[in-house]
Amino acid sequence: MDEQLQQQIESLIASSNVFLFMKGTPAHPQCGFSAQVVGILQQQNIPFQSCDVLEHEAIRQGIKDHAHWPTIPQLYISGKFIGGCDIVTELAESGELKKLV
């Protein structure tokens, strides 16, 4: 990944305490997994910012390399990669997600 893309991704992650790379937008998710993570964050009243990777192909590919994680959505809290839909769901069910925020 080139340095400019790396900086762009890091800037996005740093722009909010909770940042979600997703397919679509929070108002209009474009996949079930993204919709599930958005639902969890909203249900737990966790404010977040997001990036629609469907509109940014370079970010869509770059974020997979950045996190060493092959799927989207990807959730970051305090600049740290947390995981995808399954991990976020498990953290929410155990009560750990709120503690991370």
Protein backbone atom coordinates (compact mmCIF):
# COMPACT_ATOMS: atom_id res chain seq x y z
CA MET A 1 0.00 0.00 0.00
CA ASP A 2 1.34 3.42 -0.87
CA GLU A 3 2.10 5.93 1.85
CA GLN A 4 -0.64 8.39 0.83
CA LEU A 5 -3.33 5.71 1.15
CA GLN A 6 -1.86 4.57 4.47
CA GLN A 7 -2.03 8.13 5.78
CA GLN A 8 -5.60 8.56 4.51
CA ILE A 9 -6.72 5.39 6.32
CA GLU A 10 -4.93 6.37 9.53
CA SER A 11 -6.47 9.85 9.35
CA LEU A 12 -9.96 8.36 9.01
CA ILE A 13 -9.39 6.04 11.97
CA ALA A 14 -8.08 8.92 14.08
CA SER A 15 -11.04 11.16 13.19
CA SER A 16 -13.33 9.49 15.74
CA ASN A 17 -12.98 7.43 18.90
CA VAL A 18 -15.15 4.79 17.18
CA PHE A 19 -14.72 4.37 13.43
CA LEU A 20 -16.39 1.85 11.16
CA PHE A 21 -15.34 0.87 7.65
CA MET A 22 -18.52 -0.50 6.13
CA LYS A 23 -20.42 -1.19 2.94
CA GLY A 24 -22.94 1.61 2.55
CA THR A 25 -23.81 4.24 5.13
CA PRO A 26 -25.31 3.94 8.61
CA ALA A 27 -28.64 5.11 7.17
CA HIS A 28 -28.41 2.74 4.20
CA PRO A 29 -26.12 -0.26 4.86
CA GLN A 30 -25.36 -2.27 1.73
CA CYS A 31 -24.70 -5.63 3.38
CA GLY A 32 -26.15 -7.54 6.29
CA PHE A 33 -22.92 -7.60 8.27
CA SER A 34 -22.49 -3.83 8.04
CA ALA A 35 -26.15 -3.40 9.02
CA GLN A 36 -25.66 -5.64 12.04
CA VAL A 37 -22.64 -3.70 13.33
CA VAL A 38 -24.39 -0.36 12.78
CA GLY A 39 -27.41 -1.73 14.66
CA ILE A 40 -25.26 -2.83 17.59
CA LEU A 41 -23.51 0.54 17.82
CA GLN A 42 -26.80 2.43 17.62
CA GLN A 43 -28.52 0.11 20.08
CA GLN A 44 -25.75 0.68 22.60
CA ASN A 45 -25.78 4.46 21.96
CA ILE A 46 -22.16 4.43 20.82
CA PRO A 47 -21.42 7.43 18.60
CA PHE A 48 -19.28 6.60 15.58
CA GLN A 49 -18.07 7.83 12.23
CA SER A 50 -17.91 5.65 9.14
CA CYS A 51 -16.52 5.30 5.65
CA ASP A 52 -18.45 3.69 2.80
CA VAL A 53 -15.82 1.48 1.18
CA LEU A 54 -18.09 0.91 -1.83
CA GLU A 55 -17.43 4.53 -2.81
CA HIS A 56 -13.67 4.32 -2.17
CA GLU A 57 -12.16 1.29 -3.90
CA ALA A 58 -8.60 2.12 -2.82
CA ILE A 59 -9.69 2.28 0.83
CA ARG A 60 -11.73 -0.91 0.41
CA GLN A 61 -8.60 -2.81 -0.56
CA GLY A 62 -6.19 -0.83 1.60
CA ILE A 63 -8.08 -1.36 4.85
CA LYS A 64 -7.84 -5.12 4.40
CA ASP A 65 -4.05 -4.81 4.24
CA HIS A 66 -3.93 -2.26 7.05
CA ALA A 67 -5.76 -4.49 9.52
CA HIS A 68 -4.61 -7.82 8.08
CA TRP A 69 -8.32 -8.68 8.04
CA PRO A 70 -9.95 -9.85 4.80
CA THR A 71 -13.55 -8.76 5.36
CA ILE A 72 -15.64 -5.66 5.88
CA PRO A 73 -17.04 -4.23 8.13
CA GLN A 74 -14.08 -3.36 10.30
CA LEU A 75 -14.46 -1.54 13.61
CA TYR A 76 -11.79 0.59 15.28
CA ILE A 77 -11.96 1.94 18.83
CA SER A 78 -9.38 4.46 20.05
CA GLY A 79 -7.34 3.79 16.91
CA LYS A 80 -7.15 0.04 17.58
CA PHE A 81 -8.63 -2.56 15.25
CA ILE A 82 -11.34 -4.48 17.10
CA GLY A 83 -12.69 -6.82 14.45
CA GLY A 84 -15.56 -7.56 12.14
CA CYS A 85 -19.21 -8.41 12.62
CA ASP A 86 -18.77 -11.66 14.57
CA ILE A 87 -16.31 -10.16 17.04
CA VAL A 88 -18.38 -6.99 17.53
CA THR A 89 -21.48 -9.13 18.12
CA GLU A 90 -19.66 -11.25 20.72
CA LEU A 91 -18.29 -8.15 22.46
CA ALA A 92 -21.74 -6.58 22.56
CA GLU A 93 -23.36 -9.72 23.96
CA SER A 94 -20.74 -10.03 26.69
CA GLY A 95 -20.91 -6.34 27.63
CA GLU A 96 -17.28 -5.78 26.67
CA LEU A 97 -17.99 -3.44 23.75
CA LYS A 98 -19.22 -0.62 25.99
CA LYS A 99 -16.16 -1.06 28.20
CA LEU A 100 -13.83 -0.67 25.19
CA VAL A 101 -15.47 2.64 24.30
